[in-house]
N, C-alpha and C. Protein backbone atom coordinates (compact mmCIF):
# COMPACT_ATOMS: atom_id res chain seq x y z
N UNK A 1 10.60 -13.46 9.19
CA UNK A 1 9.73 -12.98 8.14
C UNK A 1 8.30 -12.98 8.67
N UNK A 2 7.54 -11.95 8.39
CA UNK A 2 6.19 -11.88 8.90
C UNK A 2 5.19 -12.51 7.93
N UNK A 3 4.04 -12.93 8.50
CA UNK A 3 3.00 -13.49 7.65
C UNK A 3 2.32 -12.37 6.90
N UNK A 4 1.87 -12.69 5.71
CA UNK A 4 1.29 -11.67 4.87
C UNK A 4 0.03 -12.24 4.22
N UNK A 5 -1.10 -11.64 4.52
CA UNK A 5 -2.36 -12.10 3.97
C UNK A 5 -2.99 -10.98 3.15
N UNK A 6 -3.36 -11.30 1.93
CA UNK A 6 -3.99 -10.29 1.09
C UNK A 6 -5.50 -10.31 1.18
N UNK A 7 -6.10 -11.46 1.37
CA UNK A 7 -7.54 -11.54 1.28
C UNK A 7 -8.22 -11.44 2.64
N UNK A 8 -7.67 -12.08 3.65
CA UNK A 8 -8.30 -12.06 4.96
C UNK A 8 -8.33 -10.65 5.55
N UNK A 9 -7.32 -9.86 5.26
CA UNK A 9 -7.22 -8.52 5.83
C UNK A 9 -8.22 -7.55 5.25
N UNK A 10 -8.88 -7.92 4.17
CA UNK A 10 -9.77 -6.96 3.51
C UNK A 10 -11.22 -7.13 3.92
N UNK A 11 -11.50 -7.88 4.99
CA UNK A 11 -12.86 -7.98 5.50
C UNK A 11 -13.16 -6.69 6.22
N UNK A 12 -13.73 -5.75 5.49
CA UNK A 12 -13.92 -4.40 6.01
C UNK A 12 -15.32 -4.17 6.53
N UNK A 13 -16.21 -5.14 6.34
CA UNK A 13 -17.60 -4.89 6.69
C UNK A 13 -18.02 -5.55 7.98
N UNK A 14 -17.44 -6.69 8.32
CA UNK A 14 -17.91 -7.42 9.48
C UNK A 14 -19.38 -7.75 9.30
N UNK A 15 -20.20 -7.44 10.29
CA UNK A 15 -21.65 -7.70 10.20
C UNK A 15 -22.42 -6.47 9.75
N UNK A 16 -21.74 -5.38 9.45
CA UNK A 16 -22.40 -4.13 9.07
C UNK A 16 -22.62 -4.11 7.56
N UNK A 17 -23.80 -3.62 7.15
CA UNK A 17 -24.09 -3.50 5.72
C UNK A 17 -23.63 -2.12 5.26
N UNK A 18 -22.72 -2.11 4.29
CA UNK A 18 -22.19 -0.86 3.76
C UNK A 18 -22.55 -0.72 2.29
N UNK A 19 -22.69 0.52 1.84
CA UNK A 19 -22.90 0.76 0.42
C UNK A 19 -21.59 0.49 -0.32
N UNK A 20 -21.68 0.35 -1.63
CA UNK A 20 -20.48 0.13 -2.42
C UNK A 20 -19.51 1.30 -2.24
N UNK A 21 -20.03 2.50 -2.16
CA UNK A 21 -19.18 3.68 -1.98
C UNK A 21 -18.46 3.62 -0.63
N UNK A 22 -19.17 3.23 0.42
CA UNK A 22 -18.55 3.12 1.74
C UNK A 22 -17.49 2.02 1.75
N UNK A 23 -17.79 0.91 1.10
CA UNK A 23 -16.82 -0.18 1.01
C UNK A 23 -15.57 0.29 0.28
N UNK A 24 -15.78 0.99 -0.82
CA UNK A 24 -14.65 1.47 -1.62
C UNK A 24 -13.80 2.44 -0.81
N UNK A 25 -14.44 3.31 -0.08
CA UNK A 25 -13.69 4.27 0.75
C UNK A 25 -12.83 3.54 1.77
N UNK A 26 -13.40 2.53 2.41
CA UNK A 26 -12.64 1.75 3.39
C UNK A 26 -11.52 0.97 2.71
N UNK A 27 -11.80 0.39 1.55
CA UNK A 27 -10.77 -0.35 0.82
C UNK A 27 -9.62 0.54 0.40
N UNK A 28 -9.92 1.72 -0.08
CA UNK A 28 -8.86 2.65 -0.48
C UNK A 28 -7.94 2.94 0.70
N UNK A 29 -8.52 3.19 1.87
CA UNK A 29 -7.70 3.43 3.06
C UNK A 29 -6.86 2.21 3.42
N UNK A 30 -7.45 1.03 3.32
CA UNK A 30 -6.72 -0.20 3.59
C UNK A 30 -5.57 -0.36 2.62
N UNK A 31 -5.84 -0.16 1.32
CA UNK A 31 -4.80 -0.34 0.30
C UNK A 31 -3.65 0.64 0.50
N UNK A 32 -3.97 1.88 0.85
CA UNK A 32 -2.92 2.88 1.09
C UNK A 32 -2.04 2.43 2.24
N UNK A 33 -2.63 2.03 3.35
CA UNK A 33 -1.84 1.57 4.51
C UNK A 33 -1.02 0.34 4.14
N UNK A 34 -1.64 -0.58 3.43
CA UNK A 34 -0.97 -1.81 3.01
C UNK A 34 0.25 -1.48 2.15
N UNK A 35 0.08 -0.56 1.22
CA UNK A 35 1.19 -0.15 0.36
C UNK A 35 2.29 0.55 1.16
N UNK A 36 1.90 1.36 2.14
CA UNK A 36 2.91 2.02 2.98
C UNK A 36 3.76 0.99 3.71
N UNK A 37 3.11 -0.06 4.18
CA UNK A 37 3.85 -1.14 4.84
C UNK A 37 4.84 -1.79 3.89
N UNK A 38 4.37 -2.06 2.68
CA UNK A 38 5.27 -2.65 1.67
C UNK A 38 6.42 -1.71 1.34
N UNK A 39 6.10 -0.44 1.14
CA UNK A 39 7.12 0.54 0.77
C UNK A 39 8.22 0.59 1.83
N UNK A 40 7.83 0.57 3.10
CA UNK A 40 8.81 0.60 4.17
C UNK A 40 9.71 -0.63 4.13
N UNK A 41 9.12 -1.78 3.83
CA UNK A 41 9.90 -3.00 3.71
C UNK A 41 10.89 -2.90 2.55
N UNK A 42 10.45 -2.37 1.42
CA UNK A 42 11.35 -2.21 0.27
C UNK A 42 12.52 -1.30 0.63
N UNK A 43 12.21 -0.22 1.34
CA UNK A 43 13.27 0.72 1.74
C UNK A 43 14.25 0.05 2.68
N UNK A 44 13.74 -0.68 3.67
CA UNK A 44 14.62 -1.38 4.61
C UNK A 44 15.54 -2.36 3.88
N UNK A 45 14.98 -3.12 2.96
CA UNK A 45 15.78 -4.11 2.26
C UNK A 45 16.72 -3.48 1.24
N UNK A 46 16.39 -2.30 0.74
CA UNK A 46 17.33 -1.62 -0.15
C UNK A 46 18.58 -1.22 0.63
N UNK A 47 18.39 -0.81 1.88
CA UNK A 47 19.54 -0.48 2.73
C UNK A 47 20.37 -1.72 3.04
N UNK A 48 19.68 -2.84 3.30
CA UNK A 48 20.40 -4.08 3.55
C UNK A 48 21.17 -4.53 2.31
N UNK A 49 20.56 -4.34 1.14
CA UNK A 49 21.24 -4.69 -0.11
C UNK A 49 22.48 -3.82 -0.29
N UNK A 50 22.36 -2.55 0.04
CA UNK A 50 23.52 -1.65 -0.06
C UNK A 50 24.63 -2.12 0.88
N UNK A 51 24.26 -2.47 2.10
CA UNK A 51 25.26 -2.95 3.07
C UNK A 51 25.92 -4.24 2.60
N UNK A 52 25.21 -5.02 1.79
CA UNK A 52 25.74 -6.28 1.27
C UNK A 52 26.44 -6.06 -0.08
N UNK A 53 26.65 -4.80 -0.45
CA UNK A 53 27.33 -4.43 -1.69
C UNK A 53 26.57 -4.96 -2.92
N UNK A 54 25.24 -4.86 -2.85
CA UNK A 54 24.38 -5.26 -3.95
C UNK A 54 23.70 -4.02 -4.51
N UNK A 55 24.52 -3.16 -5.10
CA UNK A 55 24.05 -1.86 -5.55
C UNK A 55 22.91 -1.92 -6.55
N UNK A 56 22.97 -2.88 -7.48
CA UNK A 56 21.91 -2.97 -8.48
C UNK A 56 20.58 -3.36 -7.82
N UNK A 57 20.65 -4.28 -6.87
CA UNK A 57 19.45 -4.69 -6.15
C UNK A 57 18.92 -3.53 -5.31
N UNK A 58 19.82 -2.80 -4.67
CA UNK A 58 19.42 -1.63 -3.89
C UNK A 58 18.64 -0.67 -4.77
N UNK A 59 19.16 -0.40 -5.97
CA UNK A 59 18.49 0.51 -6.89
C UNK A 59 17.11 0.03 -7.30
N UNK A 60 16.98 -1.25 -7.54
CA UNK A 60 15.68 -1.80 -7.93
C UNK A 60 14.68 -1.73 -6.79
N UNK A 61 15.13 -2.01 -5.57
CA UNK A 61 14.24 -1.91 -4.42
C UNK A 61 13.84 -0.46 -4.14
N UNK A 62 14.76 0.47 -4.37
CA UNK A 62 14.42 1.90 -4.24
C UNK A 62 13.36 2.28 -5.27
N UNK A 63 13.51 1.74 -6.47
CA UNK A 63 12.51 2.01 -7.52
C UNK A 63 11.15 1.46 -7.10
N UNK A 64 11.13 0.24 -6.55
CA UNK A 64 9.87 -0.35 -6.08
C UNK A 64 9.26 0.52 -4.99
N UNK A 65 10.09 1.04 -4.09
CA UNK A 65 9.65 1.95 -3.04
C UNK A 65 8.96 3.17 -3.64
N UNK A 66 9.61 3.80 -4.59
CA UNK A 66 9.07 5.02 -5.21
C UNK A 66 7.79 4.73 -6.00
N UNK A 67 7.76 3.62 -6.71
CA UNK A 67 6.57 3.26 -7.47
C UNK A 67 5.38 3.00 -6.54
N UNK A 68 5.64 2.38 -5.42
CA UNK A 68 4.58 2.11 -4.46
C UNK A 68 4.02 3.42 -3.91
N UNK A 69 4.90 4.37 -3.63
CA UNK A 69 4.42 5.68 -3.17
C UNK A 69 3.63 6.39 -4.25
N UNK A 70 4.01 6.19 -5.51
CA UNK A 70 3.26 6.77 -6.63
C UNK A 70 1.86 6.17 -6.72
N UNK A 71 1.77 4.88 -6.50
CA UNK A 71 0.46 4.23 -6.49
C UNK A 71 -0.41 4.85 -5.39
N UNK A 72 0.18 5.09 -4.23
CA UNK A 72 -0.59 5.69 -3.15
C UNK A 72 -1.06 7.09 -3.49
N UNK A 73 -0.30 7.82 -4.27
CA UNK A 73 -0.73 9.15 -4.71
C UNK A 73 -2.02 9.02 -5.51
N UNK A 74 -2.08 8.04 -6.39
CA UNK A 74 -3.28 7.81 -7.20
C UNK A 74 -4.44 7.36 -6.32
N UNK A 75 -4.18 6.47 -5.37
CA UNK A 75 -5.23 6.00 -4.47
C UNK A 75 -5.76 7.13 -3.59
N UNK A 76 -4.88 8.01 -3.16
CA UNK A 76 -5.33 9.16 -2.35
C UNK A 76 -6.19 10.10 -3.20
N UNK A 77 -5.83 10.27 -4.46
CA UNK A 77 -6.63 11.10 -5.36
C UNK A 77 -8.02 10.47 -5.53
N UNK A 78 -8.07 9.16 -5.68
CA UNK A 78 -9.36 8.47 -5.79
C UNK A 78 -10.18 8.68 -4.52
N UNK A 79 -9.53 8.59 -3.36
CA UNK A 79 -10.23 8.81 -2.09
C UNK A 79 -10.79 10.21 -2.03
N UNK A 80 -10.01 11.18 -2.44
CA UNK A 80 -10.47 12.58 -2.43
C UNK A 80 -11.65 12.77 -3.36
N UNK A 81 -11.57 12.23 -4.57
CA UNK A 81 -12.69 12.37 -5.52
C UNK A 81 -13.92 11.64 -5.03
N UNK A 82 -13.75 10.53 -4.37
CA UNK A 82 -14.87 9.79 -3.82
C UNK A 82 -15.58 10.63 -2.79
N UNK A 83 -14.82 11.35 -1.98
CA UNK A 83 -15.41 12.22 -0.96
C UNK A 83 -16.17 13.38 -1.55
N UNK A 84 -15.77 13.83 -2.76
CA UNK A 84 -16.45 14.95 -3.41
C UNK A 84 -17.71 14.51 -4.14
N UNK A 85 -17.93 13.22 -4.29
CA UNK A 85 -19.09 12.71 -5.01
C UNK A 85 -20.23 12.35 -4.06
N UNK A 86 -20.36 13.07 -2.98
CA UNK A 86 -21.40 12.73 -2.01
C UNK A 86 -22.70 13.40 -2.33
């Protein structure tokens, strides 16, 4: 099992001073990638659940996979609108 950190990974500024808009743009990209990683894990484990004859669990993990991708659709829309507000 891999280590998973939610807060340490979001240090997006380092020593550079960024505007709130720049920070948000970087955070949106981070969140999208983070969600993609989670979605892939849900998909992998749904297949493992299927192989273990855990059909109900497989279905729930597939749902989590799809919901995560839906969240990314919203985050990408936010990123696009942020870019148009320059």
